Amino acid sequence: MRLVLASASPARLAVLRSAGLDPAVRVSDVDEDALLAAIPSATAAEKVTQLAAAKATTVARTLGDALVIGCDSMLHIDGELVGKPHSADVARSRWRAMASRTGELVTGHAVLEVVEGEIERVAEGHAVTTVRFGSPTEAEIEAYLATGEPLAVAGAFTLDGLGGWFVDGIDGDPSNVIGISLPLVRRLLGSLGISPVDLWTTRSA
């Protein structure tokens, strides 16, 4: 069955490829801000899971037979759920607040099985990994911001990129911090009667 990743994230794609999968990439047009505004009282886990499901569903409706994986990640810190900063000013403010602190990277996951254009089965869940941030100097923060990397990633940091220099440690699944939890995806696939080994070396158009 055709495997599709409903995400533009190169990091998620890299995780899946390194784990033996080669999904096609289809990006959804979900209005994330509007969806979040409609569920203000939802928990952090519920918010990211609903976003992941919405992205996967939007993509699934354009396909025939396929297995679609959708994800959405945010950082939960000080009771606030934060996504991509998009600007250097926001990223700078977040790093000043995160330095020497601990936060939780929460990722919602949705796996949809599509048969002849109809969504037949759905498995959803979320994963949480605790992140212990280091104490970068102001000069290091400015240098990091200048690369542009933190502007387009949840929580304004990466574990597998330049941001890894400023993460002292994690408690939990490292692939979840990168954006897609392999252990959780394995369990979600299993609930649909699919093993990840069945998808190894799969090549999708």
Protein backbone atom coordinates (compact mmCIF):
# COMPACT_ATOMS: atom_id res chain seq x y z
CA MET A 1 0.00 0.00 0.00
CA ARG A 2 1.22 3.48 -0.87
CA LEU A 3 2.72 5.27 2.13
CA VAL A 4 2.19 9.03 2.40
CA LEU A 5 3.56 11.51 4.93
CA ALA A 6 1.18 14.44 5.38
CA SER A 7 3.90 16.85 6.46
CA ALA A 8 6.37 19.26 4.89
CA SER A 9 8.91 18.55 7.64
CA PRO A 10 12.24 17.35 6.22
CA ALA A 11 13.16 16.10 9.69
CA ARG A 12 10.14 13.77 9.86
CA LEU A 13 10.89 12.49 6.38
CA ALA A 14 14.50 11.86 7.37
CA VAL A 15 13.45 9.91 10.45
CA LEU A 16 11.18 7.65 8.39
CA ARG A 17 13.78 7.16 5.68
CA SER A 18 16.47 6.25 8.19
CA ALA A 19 13.99 3.73 9.63
CA GLY A 20 13.57 1.98 6.28
CA LEU A 21 10.51 3.74 4.84
CA ASP A 22 10.29 5.95 1.79
CA PRO A 23 6.95 7.78 1.86
CA ALA A 24 5.58 10.19 -0.68
CA VAL A 25 5.11 13.68 0.78
CA ARG A 26 1.82 15.52 0.54
CA VAL A 27 1.30 18.78 2.42
CA SER A 28 -2.13 19.71 3.75
CA ASP A 29 -3.71 23.16 3.70
CA VAL A 30 -5.20 22.96 7.19
CA ASP A 31 -5.72 26.33 8.90
CA GLU A 32 -3.97 25.48 12.16
CA ASP A 33 -4.80 28.75 13.90
CA ALA A 34 -8.51 28.39 13.12
CA LEU A 35 -8.58 24.80 14.36
CA LEU A 36 -6.84 25.72 17.61
CA ALA A 37 -9.17 28.68 18.11
CA ALA A 38 -12.11 26.29 17.91
CA ILE A 39 -10.81 24.10 20.77
CA PRO A 40 -9.49 26.58 23.37
CA SER A 41 -10.16 24.34 26.37
CA ALA A 42 -8.51 21.22 24.91
CA THR A 43 -5.37 19.84 26.53
CA ALA A 44 -1.99 20.14 24.84
CA ALA A 45 -2.17 16.48 23.79
CA GLU A 46 -5.68 16.91 22.40
CA LYS A 47 -4.69 19.98 20.40
CA VAL A 48 -1.69 18.44 18.65
CA THR A 49 -3.54 15.18 18.03
CA GLN A 50 -6.48 16.99 16.44
CA LEU A 51 -4.09 18.98 14.27
CA ALA A 52 -2.32 15.79 13.18
CA ALA A 53 -5.63 14.13 12.38
CA ALA A 54 -6.85 17.14 10.41
CA LYS A 55 -3.68 17.22 8.32
CA ALA A 56 -3.79 13.49 7.63
CA THR A 57 -7.51 13.58 6.81
CA THR A 58 -7.16 16.48 4.38
CA VAL A 59 -4.45 14.63 2.48
CA ALA A 60 -6.21 11.25 2.68
CA ARG A 61 -9.29 12.66 0.94
CA THR A 62 -7.19 13.30 -2.18
CA LEU A 63 -5.85 9.74 -2.46
CA GLY A 64 -6.98 6.31 -3.59
CA ASP A 65 -5.39 3.40 -1.74
CA ALA A 66 -2.87 4.70 0.79
CA LEU A 67 -1.58 4.71 4.32
CA VAL A 68 -1.32 8.30 5.53
CA ILE A 69 0.70 9.52 8.51
CA GLY A 70 0.07 12.97 9.94
CA CYS A 71 1.90 14.70 12.79
CA ASP A 72 1.93 17.97 14.66
CA SER A 73 4.43 19.05 17.32
CA MET A 74 4.43 21.81 19.91
CA LEU A 75 6.43 22.65 23.01
CA HIS A 76 4.55 22.78 26.30
CA ILE A 77 6.35 25.04 28.77
CA ASP A 78 5.09 27.15 31.66
CA GLY A 79 1.55 26.06 30.90
CA GLU A 80 1.75 27.47 27.38
CA LEU A 81 1.70 25.50 24.12
CA VAL A 82 4.00 27.04 21.51
CA GLY A 83 4.60 26.09 17.91
CA LYS A 84 6.83 27.63 15.26
CA PRO A 85 7.97 31.18 16.10
CA HIS A 86 8.20 32.33 12.44
CA SER A 87 10.15 35.45 13.44
CA ALA A 88 13.53 36.09 15.02
CA ASP A 89 11.99 38.32 17.71
CA VAL A 90 9.62 35.58 18.88
CA ALA A 91 12.34 32.93 18.74
CA ARG A 92 14.70 35.16 20.74
CA SER A 93 12.07 35.73 23.41
CA ARG A 94 11.35 32.02 23.64
CA TRP A 95 15.00 31.07 24.00
CA ARG A 96 15.51 33.62 26.76
CA ALA A 97 12.55 32.06 28.56
CA MET A 98 13.58 28.44 27.87
CA ALA A 99 17.26 28.68 28.84
CA SER A 100 18.11 26.47 31.82
CA ARG A 101 14.47 25.34 31.93
CA THR A 102 12.56 22.13 31.19
CA GLY A 103 9.72 21.72 28.73
CA GLU A 104 7.70 18.94 27.12
CA LEU A 105 7.74 18.32 23.39
CA VAL A 106 4.28 17.00 22.56
CA THR A 107 3.55 15.43 19.19
CA GLY A 108 0.17 14.30 17.94
CA HIS A 109 0.09 11.41 15.48
CA ALA A 110 -2.61 10.08 13.16
CA VAL A 111 -2.40 7.05 10.88
CA LEU A 112 -5.20 6.64 8.31
CA GLU A 113 -5.82 3.71 6.01
CA VAL A 114 -7.48 4.77 2.76
CA VAL A 115 -9.14 2.19 0.50
CA GLU A 116 -10.52 3.24 -2.88
CA GLY A 117 -10.68 6.84 -1.78
CA GLU A 118 -12.46 6.17 1.51
CA ILE A 119 -10.91 6.43 4.97
CA GLU A 120 -11.44 2.94 6.35
CA ARG A 121 -9.49 2.92 9.61
CA VAL A 122 -7.90 5.53 11.87
CA ALA A 123 -5.41 5.28 14.72
CA GLU A 124 -4.45 8.33 16.77
CA GLY A 125 -2.21 9.08 19.71
CA HIS A 126 0.38 11.42 21.14
CA ALA A 127 3.87 11.19 22.56
CA VAL A 128 5.57 13.40 25.15
CA THR A 129 9.31 13.84 25.64
CA THR A 130 10.83 16.03 28.36
CA VAL A 131 13.52 18.41 27.10
CA ARG A 132 16.15 19.97 29.36
CA PHE A 133 17.45 23.15 27.78
CA GLY A 134 20.96 24.46 28.21
CA SER A 135 22.07 28.03 28.82
CA PRO A 136 23.28 29.55 25.55
CA THR A 137 24.90 32.97 25.76
CA GLU A 138 23.27 35.96 24.10
CA ALA A 139 25.88 35.72 21.34
CA GLU A 140 25.06 32.04 20.82
CA ILE A 141 21.35 32.77 20.67
CA GLU A 142 21.93 35.50 18.08
CA ALA A 143 24.15 33.20 16.03
CA TYR A 144 21.49 30.50 16.16
CA LEU A 145 18.75 32.92 15.13
CA ALA A 146 20.90 34.10 12.21
CA THR A 147 20.88 30.58 10.74
CA GLY A 148 17.10 30.72 10.39
CA GLU A 149 16.72 27.19 11.75
CA PRO A 150 14.74 27.97 14.92
CA LEU A 151 12.17 30.11 13.09
CA ALA A 152 10.46 27.20 11.34
CA VAL A 153 10.46 24.48 14.00
CA ALA A 154 8.21 23.80 16.99
CA GLY A 155 9.54 25.38 20.16
CA ALA A 156 12.29 27.25 18.24
CA PHE A 157 14.78 24.41 18.59
CA THR A 158 15.93 21.16 17.02
CA LEU A 159 17.54 18.13 18.58
CA ASP A 160 19.04 16.79 15.36
CA GLY A 161 20.36 20.09 14.01
CA LEU A 162 22.20 23.18 15.21
CA GLY A 163 19.85 23.48 18.18
CA GLY A 164 21.22 20.23 19.57
CA TRP A 165 24.16 22.20 20.97
CA PHE A 166 21.79 23.90 23.39
CA VAL A 167 19.84 20.88 24.65
CA ASP A 168 21.37 19.37 27.78
CA GLY A 169 19.29 16.21 27.68
CA ILE A 170 15.92 14.57 27.17
CA ASP A 171 13.77 12.06 28.99
CA GLY A 172 11.82 9.90 26.57
CA ASP A 173 11.77 9.14 22.87
CA PRO A 174 14.31 11.20 20.86
CA SER A 175 12.51 10.65 17.55
CA ASN A 176 9.47 12.36 19.05
CA VAL A 177 11.51 15.52 19.63
CA ILE A 178 12.52 15.43 15.97
CA GLY A 179 8.85 15.33 15.06
CA ILE A 180 7.64 11.74 14.69
CA SER A 181 7.75 9.06 17.37
CA LEU A 182 8.77 5.73 15.86
CA PRO A 183 7.62 3.72 18.91
CA LEU A 184 4.19 5.37 18.82
CA VAL A 185 3.83 4.99 15.05
CA ARG A 186 4.72 1.30 15.44
CA ARG A 187 1.93 0.90 17.99
CA LEU A 188 -0.58 2.82 15.87
CA LEU A 189 0.29 0.72 12.82
CA GLY A 190 -0.05 -2.38 14.97
CA SER A 191 -3.57 -1.39 15.95
CA LEU A 192 -4.38 -1.46 12.23
CA GLY A 193 -2.78 -4.87 11.83
CA ILE A 194 0.31 -3.51 10.09
CA SER A 195 3.94 -3.97 11.10
CA PRO A 196 6.56 -1.39 10.16
CA VAL A 197 8.70 -4.21 8.79
CA ASP A 198 6.01 -4.70 6.13
CA LEU A 199 6.76 -1.18 4.96
CA TRP A 200 10.54 -1.40 4.88
CA THR A 201 12.10 -0.48 1.52
CA THR A 202 8.68 0.56 0.22
CA ARG A 203 9.03 2.99 -2.64
CA SER A 204 6.18 5.43 -3.25
CA ALA A 205 5.75 7.68 -6.24
